[in-house]
Amino acid sequence: MRVIAGACKGRRLCVPRAASIRPTTDKVREAVFNVLTHSGLNETAFPFKRCLDLFAGGGAMGIEAMSRGAQALTFVDDSPTAIKLIRQNLEICGLKADVIKADVLTAIRRLAAQKRFFDLIFVDPPYESSLALDTLRAIDEAALVNEAGIVVAETSKRVSLNEGAQCLKNLLLSDERRYGDTAVYFYRPRSES
């Protein structure tokens, strides 16, 4: 696994050996960042400055964002193995970020209470779980994403977020992509109009 673009391009990241941690493949990560970079906001620079990586695993998504120009990043995972991997990968890339060892839903409540808001939020829970929808609901309720921001949720293609996400008050599904066994959903804040 490597960083695909930006200041850390080509750096090899430590890969988890634990079966409970499933890193996003280089192919899917590259495709997601192509969508984000060409999202119509600003194609000359990476437009997302404050990022949150939930269920961060080894931290590849967040590190890719920092490599491309994100200025502040917060990683959240409850696995000690994942936290260790994130710290190792940050060191490999010479980057600094907040690393929080906590349950994701608890961390969302804490971040909201601290009035921390983000331009880009990655949600990548264990594949066959209901945690993606639970996390989207918590993000929606806490209103953690800035008005021009995006939430990217990754799941197995067998777990659809379409029906459950209709109950979101503040987030609207703007795009959905499939890459092999992976489904990626892009949510934007609903406009006030």
N, C-alpha and C. Protein backbone atom coordinates (compact mmCIF):
# COMPACT_ATOMS: atom_id res chain seq x y z
N MET A 1 0.85 -1.16 0.00
CA MET A 1 0.00 0.00 0.00
C MET A 1 0.90 1.23 0.00
N ARG A 2 0.54 2.22 -0.84
CA ARG A 2 1.38 3.40 -0.98
C ARG A 2 0.53 4.65 -1.04
N VAL A 3 1.17 5.80 -0.81
CA VAL A 3 0.50 7.09 -1.00
C VAL A 3 0.51 7.36 -2.50
N ILE A 4 -0.64 7.74 -3.05
CA ILE A 4 -0.80 7.82 -4.49
C ILE A 4 -0.34 9.15 -5.08
N ALA A 5 -0.59 10.27 -4.40
CA ALA A 5 -0.27 11.57 -4.98
C ALA A 5 0.09 12.56 -3.88
N GLY A 6 0.63 13.70 -4.31
CA GLY A 6 0.92 14.78 -3.37
C GLY A 6 2.32 14.73 -2.80
N ALA A 7 2.49 15.43 -1.69
CA ALA A 7 3.82 15.58 -1.07
C ALA A 7 4.45 14.26 -0.64
N CYS A 8 3.64 13.29 -0.28
CA CYS A 8 4.15 11.98 0.20
C CYS A 8 4.04 10.89 -0.86
N LYS A 9 3.81 11.27 -2.10
CA LYS A 9 3.61 10.31 -3.18
C LYS A 9 4.69 9.23 -3.19
N GLY A 10 4.23 7.98 -3.31
CA GLY A 10 5.14 6.85 -3.41
C GLY A 10 5.58 6.24 -2.08
N ARG A 11 5.33 6.92 -0.97
CA ARG A 11 5.73 6.36 0.33
C ARG A 11 4.92 5.10 0.61
N ARG A 12 5.60 4.07 1.02
CA ARG A 12 4.94 2.81 1.35
C ARG A 12 4.46 2.86 2.79
N LEU A 13 3.19 2.53 2.98
CA LEU A 13 2.59 2.55 4.31
C LEU A 13 2.60 1.16 4.92
N CYS A 14 2.67 1.11 6.24
CA CYS A 14 2.57 -0.17 6.94
C CYS A 14 1.15 -0.70 6.75
N VAL A 15 1.07 -1.99 6.50
CA VAL A 15 -0.22 -2.62 6.24
C VAL A 15 -0.62 -3.46 7.45
N PRO A 16 -1.87 -3.41 7.84
CA PRO A 16 -2.30 -4.21 9.00
C PRO A 16 -2.25 -5.70 8.70
N ARG A 17 -1.84 -6.45 9.70
CA ARG A 17 -1.85 -7.91 9.57
C ARG A 17 -3.10 -8.50 10.21
N ALA A 18 -3.78 -7.71 11.01
CA ALA A 18 -4.99 -8.18 11.70
C ALA A 18 -6.13 -8.29 10.70
N ALA A 19 -6.85 -9.40 10.76
CA ALA A 19 -7.99 -9.62 9.86
C ALA A 19 -9.11 -8.62 10.11
N SER A 20 -9.14 -8.03 11.31
CA SER A 20 -10.20 -7.09 11.65
C SER A 20 -10.00 -5.72 10.99
N ILE A 21 -8.82 -5.46 10.43
CA ILE A 21 -8.54 -4.19 9.78
C ILE A 21 -8.40 -4.43 8.28
N ARG A 22 -9.28 -3.81 7.51
CA ARG A 22 -9.31 -3.98 6.06
C ARG A 22 -9.00 -2.64 5.40
N PRO A 23 -7.78 -2.45 4.93
CA PRO A 23 -7.44 -1.17 4.32
C PRO A 23 -8.11 -0.98 2.96
N THR A 24 -8.43 0.26 2.65
CA THR A 24 -8.96 0.59 1.33
C THR A 24 -7.85 0.35 0.32
N THR A 25 -8.16 -0.35 -0.76
CA THR A 25 -7.14 -0.65 -1.76
C THR A 25 -6.67 0.62 -2.45
N ASP A 26 -5.47 0.56 -3.03
CA ASP A 26 -4.93 1.70 -3.77
C ASP A 26 -5.89 2.11 -4.89
N LYS A 27 -6.46 1.12 -5.58
CA LYS A 27 -7.36 1.40 -6.71
C LYS A 27 -8.58 2.19 -6.26
N VAL A 28 -9.22 1.76 -5.17
CA VAL A 28 -10.41 2.45 -4.67
C VAL A 28 -10.03 3.82 -4.13
N ARG A 29 -8.93 3.90 -3.40
CA ARG A 29 -8.49 5.19 -2.84
C ARG A 29 -8.23 6.19 -3.95
N GLU A 30 -7.54 5.76 -5.00
CA GLU A 30 -7.27 6.65 -6.13
C GLU A 30 -8.56 7.11 -6.79
N ALA A 31 -9.51 6.20 -6.97
CA ALA A 31 -10.79 6.56 -7.58
C ALA A 31 -11.56 7.56 -6.72
N VAL A 32 -11.58 7.35 -5.41
CA VAL A 32 -12.27 8.27 -4.50
C VAL A 32 -11.64 9.65 -4.58
N PHE A 33 -10.34 9.72 -4.55
CA PHE A 33 -9.67 11.03 -4.59
C PHE A 33 -9.82 11.69 -5.95
N ASN A 34 -9.95 10.93 -7.02
CA ASN A 34 -10.26 11.53 -8.33
C ASN A 34 -11.63 12.19 -8.29
N VAL A 35 -12.62 11.53 -7.69
CA VAL A 35 -13.95 12.12 -7.56
C VAL A 35 -13.86 13.39 -6.71
N LEU A 36 -13.17 13.32 -5.59
CA LEU A 36 -13.06 14.49 -4.70
C LEU A 36 -12.34 15.66 -5.37
N THR A 37 -11.26 15.37 -6.07
CA THR A 37 -10.48 16.42 -6.72
C THR A 37 -11.26 17.09 -7.83
N HIS A 38 -12.09 16.33 -8.52
CA HIS A 38 -12.85 16.87 -9.65
C HIS A 38 -14.31 17.08 -9.27
N SER A 39 -14.55 17.44 -8.02
CA SER A 39 -15.92 17.60 -7.54
C SER A 39 -16.52 18.95 -7.91
N GLY A 40 -15.80 19.73 -8.70
CA GLY A 40 -16.33 21.01 -9.14
C GLY A 40 -16.03 22.15 -8.19
N LEU A 41 -15.40 21.86 -7.06
CA LEU A 41 -15.12 22.91 -6.10
C LEU A 41 -13.87 23.70 -6.49
N ASN A 42 -12.81 23.00 -6.84
CA ASN A 42 -11.56 23.66 -7.16
C ASN A 42 -10.62 22.58 -7.69
N GLU A 43 -10.40 22.55 -8.98
CA GLU A 43 -9.59 21.48 -9.56
C GLU A 43 -8.09 21.77 -9.54
N THR A 44 -7.68 22.95 -9.09
CA THR A 44 -6.25 23.25 -9.07
C THR A 44 -5.61 22.94 -7.72
N ALA A 45 -6.41 22.86 -6.67
CA ALA A 45 -5.87 22.57 -5.34
C ALA A 45 -6.86 21.66 -4.60
N PHE A 46 -6.34 20.90 -3.67
CA PHE A 46 -7.21 20.03 -2.88
C PHE A 46 -8.05 20.93 -1.98
N PRO A 47 -9.37 20.93 -2.14
CA PRO A 47 -10.21 21.94 -1.46
C PRO A 47 -10.55 21.64 -0.01
N PHE A 48 -10.18 20.50 0.50
CA PHE A 48 -10.60 20.09 1.84
C PHE A 48 -9.44 20.27 2.83
N LYS A 49 -9.58 21.20 3.74
CA LYS A 49 -8.47 21.54 4.65
C LYS A 49 -8.56 20.84 5.99
N ARG A 50 -9.76 20.61 6.51
CA ARG A 50 -9.94 19.95 7.82
C ARG A 50 -10.63 18.60 7.58
N CYS A 51 -9.93 17.50 7.86
CA CYS A 51 -10.44 16.17 7.55
C CYS A 51 -10.56 15.30 8.79
N LEU A 52 -11.52 14.39 8.74
CA LEU A 52 -11.77 13.43 9.81
C LEU A 52 -11.83 12.05 9.19
N ASP A 53 -11.03 11.13 9.71
CA ASP A 53 -10.98 9.76 9.20
C ASP A 53 -11.50 8.83 10.30
N LEU A 54 -12.74 8.36 10.14
CA LEU A 54 -13.39 7.49 11.13
C LEU A 54 -13.21 6.03 10.75
N PHE A 55 -13.03 5.16 11.74
CA PHE A 55 -12.67 3.76 11.50
C PHE A 55 -11.39 3.77 10.65
N ALA A 56 -10.41 4.51 11.09
CA ALA A 56 -9.25 4.87 10.27
C ALA A 56 -8.35 3.70 9.88
N GLY A 57 -8.39 2.59 10.60
CA GLY A 57 -7.53 1.46 10.25
C GLY A 57 -6.07 1.88 10.27
N GLY A 58 -5.38 1.74 9.16
CA GLY A 58 -3.98 2.15 9.06
C GLY A 58 -3.80 3.61 8.70
N GLY A 59 -4.90 4.32 8.43
CA GLY A 59 -4.85 5.75 8.16
C GLY A 59 -4.60 6.15 6.72
N ALA A 60 -4.70 5.22 5.79
CA ALA A 60 -4.34 5.52 4.39
C ALA A 60 -5.20 6.63 3.78
N MET A 61 -6.50 6.66 4.05
CA MET A 61 -7.36 7.69 3.46
C MET A 61 -6.97 9.07 3.99
N GLY A 62 -6.82 9.19 5.29
CA GLY A 62 -6.45 10.47 5.87
C GLY A 62 -5.06 10.93 5.45
N ILE A 63 -4.12 10.01 5.40
CA ILE A 63 -2.75 10.35 4.98
C ILE A 63 -2.75 10.81 3.53
N GLU A 64 -3.55 10.15 2.70
CA GLU A 64 -3.68 10.59 1.30
C GLU A 64 -4.21 12.02 1.23
N ALA A 65 -5.19 12.34 2.07
CA ALA A 65 -5.74 13.71 2.10
C ALA A 65 -4.67 14.72 2.52
N MET A 66 -3.89 14.37 3.54
CA MET A 66 -2.82 15.28 3.99
C MET A 66 -1.74 15.43 2.91
N SER A 67 -1.40 14.35 2.26
CA SER A 67 -0.41 14.40 1.20
C SER A 67 -0.85 15.33 0.08
N ARG A 68 -2.16 15.39 -0.14
CA ARG A 68 -2.70 16.22 -1.22
C ARG A 68 -3.00 17.66 -0.80
N GLY A 69 -2.85 17.96 0.49
CA GLY A 69 -3.02 19.36 0.87
C GLY A 69 -3.91 19.65 2.06
N ALA A 70 -4.52 18.64 2.66
CA ALA A 70 -5.30 18.88 3.88
C ALA A 70 -4.36 19.41 4.96
N GLN A 71 -4.82 20.39 5.72
CA GLN A 71 -3.94 21.02 6.71
C GLN A 71 -4.11 20.46 8.11
N ALA A 72 -5.28 19.91 8.41
CA ALA A 72 -5.53 19.37 9.74
C ALA A 72 -6.30 18.06 9.59
N LEU A 73 -5.87 17.06 10.33
CA LEU A 73 -6.50 15.75 10.21
C LEU A 73 -6.69 15.14 11.58
N THR A 74 -7.83 14.51 11.76
CA THR A 74 -8.12 13.77 12.99
C THR A 74 -8.46 12.34 12.60
N PHE A 75 -7.74 11.38 13.18
CA PHE A 75 -8.01 9.96 12.98
C PHE A 75 -8.75 9.44 14.20
N VAL A 76 -9.74 8.55 13.99
CA VAL A 76 -10.45 7.91 15.09
C VAL A 76 -10.54 6.42 14.80
N ASP A 77 -10.13 5.61 15.77
CA ASP A 77 -10.30 4.16 15.71
C ASP A 77 -10.25 3.65 17.14
N ASP A 78 -10.94 2.54 17.40
CA ASP A 78 -10.92 2.00 18.77
C ASP A 78 -9.96 0.83 18.93
N SER A 79 -9.28 0.45 17.87
CA SER A 79 -8.35 -0.67 17.90
C SER A 79 -6.94 -0.20 18.26
N PRO A 80 -6.33 -0.79 19.29
CA PRO A 80 -4.94 -0.44 19.61
C PRO A 80 -3.99 -0.72 18.44
N THR A 81 -4.25 -1.79 17.69
CA THR A 81 -3.43 -2.12 16.53
C THR A 81 -3.53 -1.03 15.48
N ALA A 82 -4.74 -0.55 15.22
CA ALA A 82 -4.94 0.52 14.24
C ALA A 82 -4.25 1.81 14.68
N ILE A 83 -4.38 2.15 15.95
CA ILE A 83 -3.75 3.37 16.46
C ILE A 83 -2.23 3.31 16.27
N LYS A 84 -1.64 2.16 16.56
CA LYS A 84 -0.20 1.98 16.37
C LYS A 84 0.18 2.14 14.90
N LEU A 85 -0.61 1.53 14.00
CA LEU A 85 -0.35 1.63 12.56
C LEU A 85 -0.44 3.07 12.07
N ILE A 86 -1.47 3.78 12.51
CA ILE A 86 -1.64 5.18 12.10
C ILE A 86 -0.41 5.99 12.50
N ARG A 87 0.02 5.82 13.74
CA ARG A 87 1.20 6.57 14.21
C ARG A 87 2.45 6.21 13.41
N GLN A 88 2.63 4.91 13.10
CA GLN A 88 3.78 4.50 12.29
C GLN A 88 3.71 5.13 10.90
N ASN A 89 2.53 5.12 10.29
CA ASN A 89 2.38 5.66 8.94
C ASN A 89 2.55 7.18 8.91
N LEU A 90 2.09 7.86 9.95
CA LEU A 90 2.33 9.30 10.03
C LEU A 90 3.83 9.58 10.11
N GLU A 91 4.54 8.78 10.89
CA GLU A 91 5.99 8.96 11.03
C GLU A 91 6.70 8.69 9.70
N ILE A 92 6.30 7.64 8.99
CA ILE A 92 6.88 7.31 7.68
C ILE A 92 6.75 8.50 6.72
N CYS A 93 5.62 9.19 6.80
CA CYS A 93 5.34 10.30 5.89
C CYS A 93 5.77 11.66 6.44
N GLY A 94 6.24 11.69 7.69
CA GLY A 94 6.65 12.95 8.28
C GLY A 94 5.48 13.90 8.53
N LEU A 95 4.32 13.34 8.86
CA LEU A 95 3.12 14.14 9.07
C LEU A 95 2.70 14.13 10.54
N LYS A 96 1.94 15.13 10.93
CA LYS A 96 1.39 15.21 12.28
C LYS A 96 -0.12 15.32 12.19
N ALA A 97 -0.82 14.63 13.10
CA ALA A 97 -2.29 14.66 13.11
C ALA A 97 -2.77 14.28 14.50
N ASP A 98 -4.02 14.59 14.78
CA ASP A 98 -4.66 14.11 16.01
C ASP A 98 -5.03 12.65 15.82
N VAL A 99 -4.72 11.82 16.79
CA VAL A 99 -5.07 10.40 16.74
C VAL A 99 -5.86 10.10 18.00
N ILE A 100 -7.11 9.71 17.82
CA ILE A 100 -8.01 9.48 18.95
C ILE A 100 -8.36 8.00 19.01
N LYS A 101 -8.06 7.36 20.15
CA LYS A 101 -8.46 5.98 20.37
C LYS A 101 -9.79 6.02 21.11
N ALA A 102 -10.87 5.76 20.38
CA ALA A 102 -12.21 5.80 20.95
C ALA A 102 -13.19 5.15 20.01
N ASP A 103 -14.32 4.76 20.57
CA ASP A 103 -15.45 4.33 19.76
C ASP A 103 -15.86 5.51 18.87
N VAL A 104 -16.16 5.24 17.61
CA VAL A 104 -16.45 6.31 16.66
C VAL A 104 -17.66 7.15 17.08
N LEU A 105 -18.73 6.52 17.53
CA LEU A 105 -19.93 7.28 17.90
C LEU A 105 -19.66 8.17 19.10
N THR A 106 -18.88 7.70 20.05
CA THR A 106 -18.48 8.52 21.20
C THR A 106 -17.61 9.68 20.73
N ALA A 107 -16.68 9.41 19.84
CA ALA A 107 -15.79 10.46 19.33
C ALA A 107 -16.58 11.54 18.59
N ILE A 108 -17.59 11.14 17.83
CA ILE A 108 -18.42 12.13 17.11
C ILE A 108 -19.09 13.07 18.10
N ARG A 109 -19.64 12.52 19.18
CA ARG A 109 -20.29 13.37 20.20
C ARG A 109 -19.27 14.33 20.83
N ARG A 110 -18.08 13.84 21.12
CA ARG A 110 -17.04 14.69 21.72
C ARG A 110 -16.60 15.80 20.76
N LEU A 111 -16.39 15.45 19.50
CA LEU A 111 -15.97 16.44 18.51
C LEU A 111 -17.04 17.51 18.34
N ALA A 112 -18.30 17.11 18.34
CA ALA A 112 -19.40 18.07 18.23
C ALA A 112 -19.44 18.99 19.45
N ALA A 113 -19.24 18.42 20.63
CA ALA A 113 -19.24 19.22 21.86
C ALA A 113 -18.09 20.22 21.86
N GLN A 114 -16.98 19.86 21.21
CA GLN A 114 -15.82 20.75 21.10
C GLN A 114 -15.97 21.73 19.94
N LYS A 115 -17.10 21.63 19.23
CA LYS A 115 -17.39 22.48 18.06
C LYS A 115 -16.30 22.37 16.99
N ARG A 116 -15.91 21.14 16.73
CA ARG A 116 -14.94 20.85 15.66
C ARG A 116 -15.73 20.39 14.44
N PHE A 117 -15.49 21.06 13.34
CA PHE A 117 -16.22 20.77 12.11
C PHE A 117 -15.21 20.49 11.00
N PHE A 118 -15.64 19.74 9.98
CA PHE A 118 -14.71 19.21 8.99
C PHE A 118 -15.21 19.45 7.57
N ASP A 119 -14.24 19.59 6.65
CA ASP A 119 -14.55 19.74 5.22
C ASP A 119 -14.73 18.39 4.55
N LEU A 120 -14.07 17.37 5.10
CA LEU A 120 -14.08 16.03 4.50
C LEU A 120 -14.08 15.01 5.63
N ILE A 121 -15.04 14.09 5.58
CA ILE A 121 -15.13 13.03 6.58
C ILE A 121 -15.17 11.68 5.87
N PHE A 122 -14.26 10.80 6.25
CA PHE A 122 -14.25 9.43 5.73
C PHE A 122 -14.89 8.50 6.75
N VAL A 123 -15.79 7.64 6.26
CA VAL A 123 -16.45 6.64 7.10
C VAL A 123 -16.20 5.29 6.45
N ASP A 124 -15.43 4.44 7.11
CA ASP A 124 -15.07 3.13 6.52
C ASP A 124 -15.09 2.05 7.60
N PRO A 125 -16.32 1.70 8.07
CA PRO A 125 -16.43 0.70 9.13
C PRO A 125 -16.24 -0.73 8.61
N PRO A 126 -16.21 -1.70 9.53
CA PRO A 126 -16.17 -3.10 9.08
C PRO A 126 -17.28 -3.34 8.05
N TYR A 127 -16.95 -4.07 7.00
CA TYR A 127 -17.82 -4.18 5.82
C TYR A 127 -19.25 -4.64 6.07
N GLU A 128 -19.45 -5.73 6.68
CA GLU A 128 -20.80 -6.30 6.77
C GLU A 128 -21.54 -5.83 8.02
N SER A 129 -21.26 -4.62 8.48
CA SER A 129 -21.91 -4.12 9.70
C SER A 129 -22.90 -3.02 9.36
N SER A 130 -23.69 -2.64 10.36
CA SER A 130 -24.63 -1.52 10.19
C SER A 130 -23.99 -0.22 10.65
N LEU A 131 -22.71 -0.24 10.95
CA LEU A 131 -22.04 0.94 11.50
C LEU A 131 -21.96 2.11 10.53
N ALA A 132 -21.94 1.87 9.23
CA ALA A 132 -21.88 2.99 8.28
C ALA A 132 -23.11 3.88 8.43
N LEU A 133 -24.28 3.27 8.43
CA LEU A 133 -25.51 4.05 8.56
C LEU A 133 -25.62 4.69 9.94
N ASP A 134 -25.27 3.96 11.00
CA ASP A 134 -25.28 4.53 12.35
C ASP A 134 -24.35 5.74 12.43
N THR A 135 -23.20 5.64 11.80
CA THR A 135 -22.22 6.73 11.82
C THR A 135 -22.72 7.92 11.01
N LEU A 136 -23.30 7.65 9.84
CA LEU A 136 -23.87 8.75 9.05
C LEU A 136 -24.95 9.49 9.83
N ARG A 137 -25.79 8.75 10.54
CA ARG A 137 -26.83 9.39 11.35
C ARG A 137 -26.22 10.26 12.45
N ALA A 138 -25.15 9.77 13.08
CA ALA A 138 -24.49 10.54 14.14
C ALA A 138 -23.84 11.80 13.57
N ILE A 139 -23.19 11.70 12.42
CA ILE A 139 -22.59 12.87 11.76
C ILE A 139 -23.67 13.87 11.39
N ASP A 140 -24.77 13.36 10.86
CA ASP A 140 -25.90 14.20 10.45
C ASP A 140 -26.47 14.95 11.66
N GLU A 141 -26.70 14.24 12.74
CA GLU A 141 -27.26 14.84 13.95
C GLU A 141 -26.31 15.88 14.55
N ALA A 142 -25.03 15.58 14.55
CA ALA A 142 -24.02 16.47 15.12
C ALA A 142 -23.66 17.63 14.18
N ALA A 143 -24.07 17.52 12.91
CA ALA A 143 -23.74 18.53 11.89
C ALA A 143 -22.23 18.82 11.87
N LEU A 144 -21.44 17.75 11.76
CA LEU A 144 -19.97 17.87 11.81
C LEU A 144 -19.34 18.35 10.50
N VAL A 145 -20.08 18.28 9.40
CA VAL A 145 -19.49 18.62 8.10
C VAL A 145 -19.83 20.07 7.75
N ASN A 146 -18.80 20.80 7.30
CA ASN A 146 -18.99 22.19 6.89
C ASN A 146 -19.91 22.27 5.68
N GLU A 147 -20.46 23.44 5.41
CA GLU A 147 -21.48 23.56 4.37
C GLU A 147 -21.00 23.22 2.96
N ALA A 148 -19.72 23.34 2.67
CA ALA A 148 -19.20 22.95 1.37
C ALA A 148 -18.45 21.62 1.44
N GLY A 149 -18.65 20.89 2.52
CA GLY A 149 -17.91 19.65 2.74
C GLY A 149 -18.54 18.43 2.12
N ILE A 150 -17.88 17.31 2.31
CA ILE A 150 -18.32 16.02 1.78
C ILE A 150 -18.07 14.94 2.83
N VAL A 151 -19.00 14.00 2.93
CA VAL A 151 -18.81 12.80 3.72
C VAL A 151 -18.71 11.64 2.73
N VAL A 152 -17.65 10.85 2.85
CA VAL A 152 -17.43 9.70 1.98
C VAL A 152 -17.59 8.44 2.83
N ALA A 153 -18.57 7.61 2.48
CA ALA A 153 -18.82 6.37 3.22
C ALA A 153 -18.51 5.18 2.32
N GLU A 154 -17.70 4.26 2.83
CA GLU A 154 -17.30 3.07 2.08
C GLU A 154 -17.89 1.84 2.74
N THR A 155 -18.53 0.99 1.95
CA THR A 155 -19.12 -0.25 2.45
C THR A 155 -18.93 -1.36 1.42
N SER A 156 -19.35 -2.54 1.81
CA SER A 156 -19.46 -3.64 0.85
C SER A 156 -20.61 -3.31 -0.09
N LYS A 157 -20.52 -3.73 -1.33
CA LYS A 157 -21.62 -3.47 -2.27
C LYS A 157 -22.90 -4.20 -1.83
N ARG A 158 -22.77 -5.17 -0.92
CA ARG A 158 -23.94 -5.89 -0.42
C ARG A 158 -24.68 -5.13 0.68
N VAL A 159 -24.09 -4.03 1.16
CA VAL A 159 -24.72 -3.21 2.21
C VAL A 159 -25.10 -1.88 1.57
N SER A 160 -26.37 -1.70 1.27
CA SER A 160 -26.83 -0.46 0.64
C SER A 160 -27.15 0.59 1.69
N LEU A 161 -26.71 1.80 1.44
CA LEU A 161 -27.01 2.91 2.34
C LEU A 161 -28.16 3.77 1.80
N ASN A 162 -28.67 3.45 0.63
CA ASN A 162 -29.68 4.29 -0.02
C ASN A 162 -30.94 4.49 0.80
N GLU A 163 -31.57 3.40 1.23
CA GLU A 163 -32.84 3.52 1.94
C GLU A 163 -32.68 4.16 3.31
N GLY A 164 -31.72 3.69 4.10
CA GLY A 164 -31.53 4.22 5.45
C GLY A 164 -31.09 5.67 5.46
N ALA A 165 -30.37 6.08 4.43
CA ALA A 165 -29.86 7.45 4.39
C ALA A 165 -30.94 8.47 4.05
N GLN A 166 -32.10 8.00 3.63
CA GLN A 166 -33.19 8.93 3.32
C GLN A 166 -33.69 9.66 4.56
N CYS A 167 -33.42 9.12 5.73
CA CYS A 167 -33.86 9.76 6.97
C CYS A 167 -32.88 10.83 7.46
N LEU A 168 -31.79 11.04 6.75
CA LEU A 168 -30.83 12.06 7.16
C LEU A 168 -31.42 13.45 6.92
N LYS A 169 -31.34 14.31 7.91
CA LYS A 169 -31.92 15.65 7.82
C LYS A 169 -30.98 16.65 7.15
N ASN A 170 -29.69 16.52 7.40
CA ASN A 170 -28.72 17.52 6.95
C ASN A 170 -27.85 17.07 5.80
N LEU A 171 -27.81 15.78 5.52
CA LEU A 171 -26.95 15.24 4.46
C LEU A 171 -27.78 14.66 3.33
N LEU A 172 -27.29 14.86 2.11
CA LEU A 172 -27.97 14.37 0.92
C LEU A 172 -26.98 13.56 0.08
N LEU A 173 -27.39 12.37 -0.35
CA LEU A 173 -26.53 11.55 -1.21
C LEU A 173 -26.34 12.27 -2.54
N SER A 174 -25.09 12.57 -2.89
CA SER A 174 -24.82 13.29 -4.14
C SER A 174 -24.20 12.40 -5.22
N ASP A 175 -23.61 11.28 -4.82
CA ASP A 175 -22.97 10.40 -5.81
C ASP A 175 -22.78 9.03 -5.17
N GLU A 176 -22.76 8.02 -6.00
CA GLU A 176 -22.51 6.65 -5.54
C GLU A 176 -21.68 5.96 -6.61
N ARG A 177 -20.62 5.29 -6.19
CA ARG A 177 -19.73 4.59 -7.13
C ARG A 177 -19.51 3.16 -6.65
N ARG A 178 -19.26 2.26 -7.60
CA ARG A 178 -18.95 0.86 -7.30
C ARG A 178 -17.57 0.52 -7.86
N TYR A 179 -16.77 -0.14 -7.04
CA TYR A 179 -15.44 -0.59 -7.45
C TYR A 179 -15.29 -2.02 -6.96
N GLY A 180 -15.57 -2.99 -7.82
CA GLY A 180 -15.51 -4.39 -7.41
C GLY A 180 -16.52 -4.66 -6.31
N ASP A 181 -16.05 -5.13 -5.16
CA ASP A 181 -16.92 -5.46 -4.03
C ASP A 181 -17.22 -4.24 -3.16
N THR A 182 -16.67 -3.08 -3.52
CA THR A 182 -16.78 -1.88 -2.70
C THR A 182 -17.79 -0.89 -3.27
N ALA A 183 -18.62 -0.35 -2.39
CA ALA A 183 -19.52 0.75 -2.75
C ALA A 183 -19.07 1.98 -1.99
N VAL A 184 -19.01 3.11 -2.69
CA VAL A 184 -18.61 4.37 -2.07
C VAL A 184 -19.72 5.38 -2.29
N TYR A 185 -20.16 6.00 -1.19
CA TYR A 185 -21.25 6.98 -1.21
C TYR A 185 -20.69 8.34 -0.83
N PHE A 186 -21.11 9.37 -1.58
CA PHE A 186 -20.67 10.74 -1.32
C PHE A 186 -21.88 11.56 -0.88
N TYR A 187 -21.80 12.15 0.30
CA TYR A 187 -22.88 12.96 0.85
C TYR A 187 -22.43 14.40 1.00
N ARG A 188 -23.34 15.31 0.68
CA ARG A 188 -23.10 16.74 0.87
C ARG A 188 -24.18 17.30 1.78
N PRO A 189 -23.89 18.38 2.46
CA PRO A 189 -24.94 19.02 3.27
C PRO A 189 -26.07 19.51 2.37
N ARG A 190 -27.30 19.38 2.86
CA ARG A 190 -28.44 19.91 2.12
C ARG A 190 -28.34 21.43 2.09
N SER A 191 -28.70 22.00 0.96
CA SER A 191 -28.68 23.47 0.87
C SER A 191 -29.92 24.01 1.57
N GLU A 192 -29.83 25.24 2.04
CA GLU A 192 -30.90 25.87 2.80
C GLU A 192 -32.09 26.24 1.91
N SER A 193 -31.91 26.30 0.61
CA SER A 193 -32.97 26.77 -0.28
C SER A 193 -34.09 25.81 -0.47
